[in-house]
Each structure stands twice: as C-alpha cells, then as structure tokens.
Amino acid sequence: MKISRVKGFSDILPGEVELWQFIEEKAREVFARYNFSEIRIPLLEKTELFSRSLGETTDIVEKEMYTFADQDANGALLTLRPEGTAGVVRAYVEAELYKAEPLRKLFYFGPMFRRERPQKGRLRQFYQIGAEVLGREDPFVDAEILLLLNDFFLIVGLDGVSLELNSLGCVQCRPRYRQALLAHLSERAKSLCPNCQRRMERNPLRVLDCKEEACLETTRDAPSILDYLCEACRDHFGAVEKLMRQTALVYRLNPRMVRGLDYYCRTTFEWTSPRLGSQNTVAAGGRYDGLVEDLGGPPTPGVGFAIGMERLALLLEMKETREAPRPELYLVWVGTAARQWAFPVVHRLRRSGVRAEMGGEEKSLKSQMRRADKLRASFVLIVGDDELKSGKGVLRNMDTKEQSEVSLDRVEAELLAPKLGG
C-alpha cells in the first residue's frame, strides 16, 4: 500500500527544484547588493509568540495554526511557524542584537505552515523568502525595500506584477479611523459574514481583509484610512510616494489593503498578479514599528516583506520546462577490470568539480549508452579491456557525436581541459 503525502503539502521534485535554486540564488545576489545578512530561525516556536504578535483575532491565530502541547514542558503550547517576521524579531530581542548594532538588515528562506484550504498557489506548507530591516523608521528604507523587490523581480525575469500601496497609520491616528469604520460597519452588520460580525467590535479592520463576497460589497464604500492619517503619518507616506515617483516605480493606492496581521502600521504594500486568480499576492509586507517592543525589546522600528515561492515559481512558467542538470561526463565501462579502474577516476573527477556519473551493475555497452543519452550527458568516456590494454579511452561528445581518444594515465588532466568544459 502506497503512503501518499499529507494534504496541502507538496514535494519539490527534480526538474522543479532547479527553478527554486535559481530563485534563491538571485535573491541572495540582490540581498547582497542591499547589504542584507542571512538569519536562520526555528520552524517551531512558542504559540504565545504568534498570538501576541499577529493578533488573536486574525484568521491565522484563530483557525490556521498547527499547534500542539509540548510533552516536555507541562503542556505548554508550541506552533509550527505560520510566518517569519515574529521569529526574526524574537531572535533579534533574545540575542540582544540591538546592543552591538541596532540597525539590522536580515533575510531568510524557509517553509511556513498554515492550515488553509489547499488550492493553486496556496498550500499548507509553503515557502517564503523574507526580509526585515530593524532600527530605521525613515521613509527612505520603506522605498528601499520596494526597490529591492522590484530589482529582484527584474533579475528573475518576472513581469506583469503590480504594486499596491497603503498606509495604516499609527497608534495616534488609527483609533479615530477605527471609530469611523466601526460606525460604518455597525449600520450594515447584518450584511456581514458570521465571522466578521463576531470580530467586528474587537478589530473592525479585519473586516476589510475578508474575502467573502458579502463583506466585500458591504465595505465597498467604507471610509478610507488615508483620510484619517495624522500629520506625521501623512508626511511619512507622502515621502514614500515621492520616492516612488523619483525612481519611476509605478504603483497604485489601495486604501482597503490592511494586511492579515495586527502588527502592521504605516506603509503596507502588496505585489499582485492577475495570472494567479484569487490567490494573486506574490509578495507583501509593511512597517511594524511596535513589534520589537511588544516582544520584550527596546522601542525599535521595523519594516519587511515576504515573497511566496510557490506563486513566484508558477508565474515564471518554468516548472514544466526547466530540466534537471545533466552530467558533464558519463563513464561507460565494459568488464570487471574497467569497473575497478573507473570508480576511483569518477570520484576524483567529482572532487575536481566535474558532474560525473557511472553505473555500478554490469550492463552492455549499448545499454549504458542509452542510459547516458537519457541523462543527457554532455560527454561519454568508454573504457573496456581493449582500452585498458592500449591505455587509450574513447571520449564521445553526445551533442556533436564527435569522438576522440584520451590517455587513461592522464585522463583527469585531459578531461578537465577545455575539451570537456566546452
């Protein structure tokens, strides 16, 4: 009986993983340009980290987290991380990174876990590329984050995505907007879905994040938060918009965008693509100036983003066409003596950086050549009893079908010469 993978979890197979490696490689290149350092955080955290940082009324905390009791800690609750920012901030605070250098620019790769309804572009284990800047509150770093993302999309060849911007204000101006929004929703409460009716009083902004058609229609003419910003938030957001215009980065305002997490304030953004259907967000993020302090650190502003790897891979339209890397050399041996000679040679070639392959079971020359052809090997080296006696092997270029002889006593030097490298 076959054991299938868990619902909402996916394998990344050869032919697919090469695209992921390409994406990660280009991300590292762009992060290096912007002077970011990598951080690696645990998959498992105390549940309290997410309930405090993300907000107890968010969909993630209420119904999407994978949470269980820790048998070694008297039943304390642990959670598979549903996002990366909270873990990065926890590490920043716990390791007191702010003491040596308050300003930190950090990036990370890895899987996240949410118990959502699986569909195209949305899995229960999904991968993100994330970045966080801790220690700067100026609008220039907000713009820098957006430009970094734009540079990354350009370098991986992604087009057809749109940038949406909003400001969520701050603790000074958001309460006034909250009152106006709550008044608007209270008059229309019967039109909201049961979930939004329940959480409307505690956090009315969550209603704007609801994807139910009835709630979308009910909030279509809701007050705009941009009309309620205090002077400081208005100036901050105005400066971000000005920097976007100065750098010719096209965007549109979306005052309905509130993001799904409670820690966001001021600048928020999403990069979307119509080609993804309902799950159209490729990357998203924003500012979270109070999160470090909420998690026990000193007052420290922050801004960051996360990119959805699965959705980005879908958009690049390379999963079905990108092939697994092919061997540079396939060593075909015929006879026991040739096999004994071939094994250490292949090992030394691999240590020298050659992508080399050979079979271990005794098979015919024709069968081994078919195998080399199936693997799309660039070259084949044929060695049998006759070649061992003469000291000359046959090197075949599998693309041009040209053949030449190589000296077996100096085979590594000859194979590492430009003839093998192309």
Protein backbone atom coordinates (compact mmCIF):
# COMPACT_ATOMS: atom_id res chain seq x y z
CA MET A 1 0.00 0.00 0.00
CA LYS A 2 1.41 3.36 -1.03
CA ILE A 3 1.65 6.16 1.52
CA SER A 4 0.68 9.49 -0.02
CA ARG A 5 1.85 12.89 1.09
CA VAL A 6 -0.15 14.90 3.62
CA LYS A 7 -2.97 17.05 2.22
CA GLY A 8 -1.71 20.54 1.43
CA PHE A 9 1.94 19.50 1.49
CA SER A 10 3.94 19.13 -1.70
CA ASP A 11 7.17 17.57 -2.97
CA ILE A 12 9.59 19.72 -4.95
CA LEU A 13 10.96 17.28 -7.48
CA PRO A 14 13.98 17.31 -9.80
CA GLY A 15 13.05 19.46 -12.77
CA GLU A 16 11.22 21.78 -10.35
CA VAL A 17 13.86 22.28 -7.66
CA GLU A 18 16.28 23.80 -10.20
CA LEU A 19 13.90 26.74 -10.61
CA TRP A 20 13.78 27.16 -6.84
CA GLN A 21 17.57 27.12 -6.70
CA PHE A 22 17.65 29.77 -9.41
CA ILE A 23 15.21 31.96 -7.48
CA GLU A 24 17.17 31.57 -4.23
CA GLU A 25 20.48 32.30 -5.98
CA LYS A 26 19.13 35.52 -7.50
CA ALA A 27 17.59 36.52 -4.17
CA ARG A 28 20.98 36.16 -2.49
CA GLU A 29 22.54 38.33 -5.20
CA VAL A 30 20.01 41.12 -4.66
CA PHE A 31 20.17 40.92 -0.86
CA ALA A 32 23.97 41.24 -1.08
CA ARG A 33 23.63 44.42 -3.14
CA TYR A 34 21.45 45.92 -0.43
CA ASN A 35 23.78 44.74 2.39
CA PHE A 36 21.46 42.18 4.00
CA SER A 37 22.70 39.29 6.18
CA GLU A 38 21.08 35.86 6.39
CA ILE A 39 19.37 34.61 9.53
CA ARG A 40 18.02 31.10 10.15
CA ILE A 41 15.22 30.71 12.67
CA PRO A 42 13.43 27.60 14.05
CA LEU A 43 10.37 26.08 12.42
CA LEU A 44 8.84 25.65 15.88
CA GLU A 45 8.11 28.49 18.32
CA LYS A 46 6.06 29.02 21.46
CA THR A 47 2.45 29.69 20.49
CA GLU A 48 2.45 32.87 22.55
CA LEU A 49 4.89 34.45 20.09
CA PHE A 50 2.31 34.37 17.32
CA SER A 51 -0.81 35.09 19.36
CA ARG A 52 0.85 38.22 20.76
CA SER A 53 2.42 39.46 17.55
CA LEU A 54 -0.07 38.51 14.84
CA GLY A 55 -3.21 39.31 16.81
CA GLU A 56 -5.70 36.94 18.44
CA THR A 57 -8.49 37.96 16.04
CA THR A 58 -6.55 37.19 12.87
CA ASP A 59 -7.53 34.20 10.77
CA ILE A 60 -4.06 32.75 11.24
CA VAL A 61 -4.23 32.63 15.02
CA GLU A 62 -7.92 31.76 15.25
CA LYS A 63 -8.05 28.81 12.86
CA GLU A 64 -4.94 28.25 10.73
CA MET A 65 -2.02 27.47 13.06
CA TYR A 66 -0.61 23.99 13.64
CA THR A 67 -0.45 23.98 17.44
CA PHE A 68 0.19 21.15 19.89
CA ALA A 69 1.22 20.60 23.50
CA ASP A 70 4.89 20.24 24.37
CA GLN A 71 5.24 16.97 26.30
CA ASP A 72 8.50 18.18 27.87
CA ALA A 73 7.13 21.45 29.24
CA ASN A 74 3.98 20.62 31.21
CA GLY A 75 1.73 21.00 28.20
CA ALA A 76 2.97 24.40 27.04
CA LEU A 77 1.73 25.11 23.51
CA LEU A 78 4.06 25.06 20.51
CA THR A 79 3.28 26.14 16.94
CA LEU A 80 4.82 25.48 13.55
CA ARG A 81 5.67 28.96 12.33
CA PRO A 82 2.92 30.45 10.11
CA GLU A 83 5.15 33.38 9.07
CA GLY A 84 8.73 34.55 9.57
CA THR A 85 8.71 38.09 10.94
CA ALA A 86 7.76 37.21 14.51
CA GLY A 87 10.56 34.62 14.73
CA VAL A 88 13.15 37.04 13.38
CA VAL A 89 12.11 39.71 15.86
CA ARG A 90 12.13 37.16 18.70
CA ALA A 91 15.72 36.21 17.75
CA TYR A 92 16.70 39.90 17.49
CA VAL A 93 15.39 40.51 21.02
CA GLU A 94 16.56 37.27 22.63
CA ALA A 95 20.12 37.52 21.24
CA GLU A 96 20.17 41.27 22.01
CA LEU A 97 21.43 42.02 18.51
CA TYR A 98 20.48 45.65 19.05
CA LYS A 99 23.30 46.13 21.60
CA ALA A 100 26.16 45.64 19.15
CA GLU A 101 24.37 47.22 16.19
CA PRO A 102 20.76 48.43 16.48
CA LEU A 103 20.32 48.61 12.70
CA ARG A 104 19.95 45.13 11.24
CA LYS A 105 19.07 44.09 7.69
CA LEU A 106 18.19 40.39 7.70
CA PHE A 107 16.83 37.87 5.19
CA TYR A 108 15.69 34.25 5.40
CA PHE A 109 14.37 31.34 3.32
CA GLY A 110 12.17 28.52 4.51
CA PRO A 111 8.84 26.77 4.94
CA MET A 112 5.82 28.17 6.79
CA PHE A 113 2.70 26.29 7.88
CA ARG A 114 -0.97 27.29 7.83
CA ARG A 115 -3.99 25.03 7.85
CA GLU A 116 -5.77 26.68 4.94
CA ARG A 117 -7.90 25.17 2.19
CA PRO A 118 -5.32 23.97 -0.37
CA GLN A 119 -5.66 25.40 -3.87
CA LYS A 120 -3.49 26.73 -6.68
CA GLY A 121 -0.79 28.92 -5.15
CA ARG A 122 -1.83 28.15 -1.57
CA LEU A 123 -0.54 25.12 0.32
CA ARG A 124 -0.46 24.21 3.99
CA GLN A 125 3.32 24.03 3.89
CA PHE A 126 4.52 26.90 1.75
CA TYR A 127 7.90 28.52 1.28
CA GLN A 128 8.85 32.15 1.65
CA ILE A 129 11.77 34.44 1.02
CA GLY A 130 11.59 37.13 3.68
CA ALA A 131 13.49 40.24 4.69
CA GLU A 132 13.37 42.53 7.72
CA VAL A 133 15.03 45.88 8.42
CA LEU A 134 15.14 46.68 12.14
CA GLY A 135 16.22 50.04 13.52
CA ARG A 136 15.11 52.55 10.87
CA GLU A 137 11.84 54.48 10.74
CA ASP A 138 12.55 56.87 7.87
CA PRO A 139 10.53 56.61 4.64
CA PHE A 140 13.71 56.03 2.62
CA VAL A 141 14.04 52.48 3.94
CA ASP A 142 10.40 51.78 3.04
CA ALA A 143 11.22 52.86 -0.51
CA GLU A 144 14.45 50.85 -0.45
CA ILE A 145 12.53 47.67 0.40
CA LEU A 146 10.15 48.27 -2.51
CA LEU A 147 13.03 48.94 -4.91
CA LEU A 148 14.81 45.79 -3.70
CA LEU A 149 11.72 43.76 -4.56
CA ASN A 150 11.43 45.42 -7.94
CA ASP A 151 15.11 44.68 -8.68
CA PHE A 152 14.59 41.06 -7.68
CA PHE A 153 11.58 40.64 -9.94
CA LEU A 154 13.55 42.12 -12.82
CA ILE A 155 16.55 39.85 -12.30
CA VAL A 156 14.43 36.66 -12.23
CA GLY A 157 12.53 37.79 -15.31
CA LEU A 158 9.12 38.31 -13.71
CA ASP A 159 6.73 40.70 -15.44
CA GLY A 160 3.06 41.52 -15.23
CA VAL A 161 3.01 42.27 -11.49
CA SER A 162 1.53 45.41 -9.94
CA LEU A 163 2.45 47.26 -6.76
CA GLU A 164 -0.30 48.43 -4.40
CA LEU A 165 0.41 50.81 -1.51
CA ASN A 166 -1.44 51.95 1.58
CA SER A 167 -0.75 53.44 4.99
CA LEU A 168 -2.34 52.00 8.14
CA GLY A 169 -1.46 55.00 10.28
CA CYS A 170 -0.16 54.67 13.83
CA VAL A 171 -1.41 54.39 17.40
CA GLN A 172 -2.20 58.11 17.39
CA CYS A 173 -4.41 58.28 14.31
CA ARG A 174 -5.73 54.76 13.84
CA PRO A 175 -8.21 54.89 16.81
CA ARG A 176 -10.11 57.72 15.10
CA TYR A 177 -10.33 55.71 11.90
CA ARG A 178 -11.33 52.64 13.86
CA GLN A 179 -14.31 54.52 15.31
CA ALA A 180 -15.40 55.75 11.87
CA LEU A 181 -15.09 52.28 10.35
CA LEU A 182 -16.91 50.65 13.27
CA ALA A 183 -19.79 53.10 12.88
CA HIS A 184 -19.99 52.28 9.18
CA LEU A 185 -19.96 48.53 9.83
CA SER A 186 -22.43 48.64 12.71
CA GLU A 187 -25.08 50.08 10.40
CA ARG A 188 -24.51 47.18 8.00
CA ALA A 189 -23.66 44.37 10.43
CA LYS A 190 -26.43 42.07 9.20
CA SER A 191 -24.83 42.03 5.74
CA LEU A 192 -21.50 40.77 7.05
CA CYS A 193 -20.49 37.13 7.27
CA PRO A 194 -20.80 35.49 10.71
CA ASN A 195 -17.05 35.61 11.27
CA CYS A 196 -16.87 39.37 10.63
CA GLN A 197 -19.93 40.01 12.78
CA ARG A 198 -18.18 38.23 15.63
CA ARG A 199 -14.85 40.07 15.42
CA MET A 200 -16.12 43.47 14.24
CA GLU A 201 -16.14 45.03 17.70
CA ARG A 202 -12.68 43.75 18.66
CA ASN A 203 -10.91 44.59 15.42
CA PRO A 204 -13.01 46.19 12.66
CA LEU A 205 -10.02 46.47 10.29
CA ARG A 206 -10.11 42.67 9.95
CA VAL A 207 -13.43 43.04 8.11
CA LEU A 208 -11.65 44.89 5.29
CA ASP A 209 -9.40 41.85 4.91
CA CYS A 210 -12.31 39.42 4.50
CA LYS A 211 -12.66 37.81 1.06
CA GLU A 212 -16.33 36.86 1.42
CA GLU A 213 -18.38 38.47 -1.37
CA ALA A 214 -20.98 39.86 1.06
CA CYS A 215 -18.29 41.57 3.13
CA LEU A 216 -16.53 42.93 0.05
CA GLU A 217 -19.78 44.51 -1.11
CA THR A 218 -20.66 45.84 2.36
CA THR A 219 -17.29 47.55 2.79
CA ARG A 220 -17.04 48.87 -0.76
CA ASP A 221 -17.93 52.42 0.35
CA ALA A 222 -16.25 52.20 3.78
CA PRO A 223 -14.23 55.20 4.99
CA SER A 224 -10.64 55.36 3.71
CA ILE A 225 -7.89 55.25 6.28
CA LEU A 226 -5.89 57.69 4.17
CA ASP A 227 -8.41 60.40 5.15
CA TYR A 228 -7.68 59.85 8.86
CA LEU A 229 -3.88 59.88 8.96
CA CYS A 230 -2.20 62.17 11.47
CA GLU A 231 0.28 64.75 10.19
CA ALA A 232 3.33 62.56 10.92
CA CYS A 233 1.87 59.53 9.13
CA ARG A 234 0.67 61.68 6.24
CA ASP A 235 4.16 63.17 5.83
CA HIS A 236 5.79 59.73 6.07
CA PHE A 237 3.52 58.19 3.44
CA GLY A 238 3.82 61.26 1.22
CA ALA A 239 7.60 60.91 1.32
CA VAL A 240 7.35 57.22 0.30
CA GLU A 241 5.12 58.16 -2.64
CA LYS A 242 7.53 60.90 -3.69
CA LEU A 243 10.44 58.44 -3.66
CA MET A 244 8.41 56.05 -5.80
CA ARG A 245 7.86 58.78 -8.35
CA GLN A 246 11.54 59.82 -8.27
CA THR A 247 12.64 56.26 -9.02
CA ALA A 248 9.87 55.68 -11.59
CA LEU A 249 8.40 52.75 -9.66
CA VAL A 250 4.75 52.53 -10.72
CA TYR A 251 2.16 51.86 -8.02
CA ARG A 252 -1.49 52.44 -7.20
CA LEU A 253 -3.12 53.34 -3.91
CA ASN A 254 -5.33 50.72 -2.29
CA PRO A 255 -6.88 52.11 0.92
CA ARG A 256 -8.66 48.78 1.54
CA MET A 257 -5.37 46.93 1.99
CA VAL A 258 -4.91 46.22 5.69
CA ARG A 259 -2.83 43.02 5.51
CA GLY A 260 -3.76 40.00 7.63
CA LEU A 261 -1.57 40.64 10.67
CA ASP A 262 -2.11 43.08 13.53
CA TYR A 263 1.48 44.27 13.88
CA TYR A 264 1.45 46.38 10.70
CA CYS A 265 1.42 50.18 10.80
CA ARG A 266 2.08 52.99 8.36
CA THR A 267 3.37 51.76 4.98
CA THR A 268 1.89 48.48 3.74
CA PHE A 269 2.20 47.00 0.27
CA GLU A 270 1.41 44.06 -1.98
CA TRP A 271 2.74 42.93 -5.34
CA THR A 272 -0.04 41.13 -7.20
CA SER A 273 -0.58 39.32 -10.49
CA PRO A 274 -3.90 38.69 -12.26
CA ARG A 275 -2.48 35.41 -13.60
CA LEU A 276 -2.73 33.82 -10.13
CA GLY A 277 -6.50 34.05 -9.83
CA SER A 278 -7.96 34.65 -6.37
CA GLN A 279 -4.62 33.97 -4.63
CA ASN A 280 -2.96 36.83 -6.50
CA THR A 281 -0.40 38.14 -4.00
CA VAL A 282 3.21 37.39 -4.95
CA ALA A 283 4.92 39.45 -2.23
CA ALA A 284 3.65 41.59 0.60
CA GLY A 285 4.80 43.42 3.69
CA GLY A 286 4.96 46.68 5.52
CA ARG A 287 6.07 48.54 8.59
CA TYR A 288 5.74 47.21 12.17
CA ASP A 289 7.24 49.86 14.45
CA GLY A 290 5.86 48.48 17.74
CA LEU A 291 6.58 44.77 17.33
CA VAL A 292 10.07 44.65 18.86
CA GLU A 293 8.87 46.41 21.99
CA ASP A 294 5.76 44.19 22.17
CA LEU A 295 8.06 41.16 22.25
CA GLY A 296 10.24 42.46 25.07
CA GLY A 297 12.86 44.52 23.26
CA PRO A 298 13.60 48.24 23.25
CA PRO A 299 11.49 50.57 21.08
CA THR A 300 12.73 49.70 17.59
CA PRO A 301 11.06 50.45 14.25
CA GLY A 302 10.89 47.75 11.60
CA VAL A 303 9.80 47.08 8.05
CA GLY A 304 9.88 43.92 5.95
CA PHE A 305 8.28 41.64 3.39
CA ALA A 306 7.79 38.03 2.34
CA ILE A 307 7.70 36.51 -1.15
CA GLY A 308 5.64 33.40 -1.85
CA MET A 309 7.95 30.91 -3.54
CA GLU A 310 5.23 28.65 -4.98
CA ARG A 311 3.38 31.58 -6.53
CA LEU A 312 6.57 33.08 -7.91
CA ALA A 313 7.51 29.73 -9.47
CA LEU A 314 4.06 29.48 -11.07
CA LEU A 315 4.41 32.94 -12.57
CA LEU A 316 7.83 32.26 -14.01
CA GLU A 317 6.24 29.43 -16.02
CA MET A 318 9.37 27.33 -15.82
CA LYS A 319 8.33 24.36 -13.68
CA GLU A 320 7.38 22.20 -16.66
CA THR A 321 10.21 23.23 -18.99
CA ARG A 322 13.28 23.53 -16.77
CA GLU A 323 15.21 20.28 -16.78
CA ALA A 324 17.41 18.73 -14.12
CA PRO A 325 21.13 19.48 -14.64
CA ARG A 326 22.79 16.97 -16.91
CA PRO A 327 26.05 15.14 -16.16
CA GLU A 328 29.10 16.59 -17.82
CA LEU A 329 30.53 13.10 -18.14
CA TYR A 330 29.09 9.59 -18.09
CA LEU A 331 31.76 6.90 -17.76
CA VAL A 332 30.81 3.72 -19.61
CA TRP A 333 32.81 0.65 -18.51
CA VAL A 334 32.81 -2.84 -20.00
CA GLY A 335 34.29 -5.63 -17.91
CA THR A 336 35.26 -6.07 -14.26
CA ALA A 337 38.73 -4.59 -14.67
CA ALA A 338 37.29 -1.47 -16.32
CA ARG A 339 34.80 -1.05 -13.49
CA GLN A 340 37.59 -1.23 -10.89
CA TRP A 341 39.52 1.39 -12.85
CA ALA A 342 36.50 3.65 -13.39
CA PHE A 343 35.22 4.01 -9.82
CA PRO A 344 38.16 5.96 -8.31
CA VAL A 345 38.52 8.02 -11.50
CA VAL A 346 34.90 9.19 -11.27
CA HIS A 347 35.43 10.02 -7.61
CA ARG A 348 38.49 12.17 -8.36
CA LEU A 349 36.68 13.93 -11.20
CA ARG A 350 33.80 14.81 -8.87
CA ARG A 351 36.24 16.19 -6.30
CA SER A 352 37.68 18.35 -9.11
CA GLY A 353 34.25 19.83 -9.82
CA VAL A 354 33.08 17.67 -12.72
CA ARG A 355 29.46 16.50 -12.64
CA ALA A 356 30.22 12.82 -13.35
CA GLU A 357 28.13 9.65 -13.33
CA MET A 358 28.62 5.90 -13.84
CA GLY A 359 26.59 2.74 -13.35
CA GLY A 360 27.51 0.02 -10.87
CA GLU A 361 25.78 -3.01 -12.37
CA GLU A 362 27.32 -4.86 -15.28
CA LYS A 363 25.40 -3.95 -18.43
CA SER A 364 26.09 -3.94 -22.12
CA LEU A 365 27.78 -1.05 -23.89
CA LYS A 366 24.55 -0.30 -25.73
CA SER A 367 22.52 -0.25 -22.50
CA GLN A 368 24.96 2.11 -20.80
CA MET A 369 24.98 4.42 -23.83
CA ARG A 370 21.18 4.57 -23.68
CA ARG A 371 21.41 5.48 -20.02
CA ALA A 372 23.92 8.26 -20.77
CA ASP A 373 21.65 9.56 -23.51
CA LYS A 374 18.62 9.52 -21.19
CA LEU A 375 20.53 11.56 -18.63
CA ARG A 376 21.55 13.96 -21.44
CA ALA A 377 25.23 13.59 -20.55
CA SER A 378 27.47 16.06 -22.38
CA PHE A 379 30.29 13.54 -22.87
CA VAL A 380 30.73 9.79 -22.55
CA LEU A 381 34.07 8.13 -21.78
CA ILE A 382 34.15 4.49 -22.92
CA VAL A 383 36.63 2.14 -21.24
CA GLY A 384 36.85 -1.66 -21.70
CA ASP A 385 39.52 -4.33 -21.73
CA ASP A 386 40.91 -3.16 -25.08
CA GLU A 387 41.13 0.43 -23.87
CA LEU A 388 42.88 -0.62 -20.68
CA LYS A 389 45.45 -2.57 -22.72
CA SER A 390 46.08 0.28 -25.17
CA GLY A 391 45.96 2.97 -22.48
CA LYS A 392 43.52 4.97 -24.63
CA GLY A 393 39.84 5.60 -23.87
CA VAL A 394 37.17 6.84 -26.27
CA LEU A 395 35.64 10.24 -25.46
CA ARG A 396 32.37 10.93 -27.28
CA ASN A 397 30.67 14.33 -27.49
CA MET A 398 26.99 13.44 -27.15
CA ASP A 399 25.82 16.66 -28.80
CA THR A 400 28.05 16.63 -31.90
CA LYS A 401 28.69 12.84 -31.92
CA GLU A 402 32.40 13.53 -32.44
CA GLN A 403 34.85 11.04 -30.88
CA SER A 404 38.46 11.34 -29.80
CA GLU A 405 40.99 9.35 -27.80
CA VAL A 406 42.21 10.27 -24.34
CA SER A 407 45.19 8.83 -22.46
CA LEU A 408 44.00 6.83 -19.49
CA ASP A 409 47.18 7.50 -17.49
CA ARG A 410 46.38 11.22 -17.55
CA VAL A 411 42.65 11.04 -18.07
CA GLU A 412 41.77 13.57 -15.36
CA ALA A 413 44.03 16.24 -16.79
CA GLU A 414 42.64 15.70 -20.27
CA LEU A 415 39.02 15.65 -19.15
CA LEU A 416 39.48 18.80 -17.11
CA ALA A 417 40.96 20.59 -20.14
CA PRO A 418 38.74 22.88 -22.28
CA LYS A 419 37.70 19.87 -24.41
CA LEU A 420 35.29 18.74 -21.61
CA GLY A 421 34.36 22.18 -20.43
CA GLY A 422 33.20 23.11 -23.92
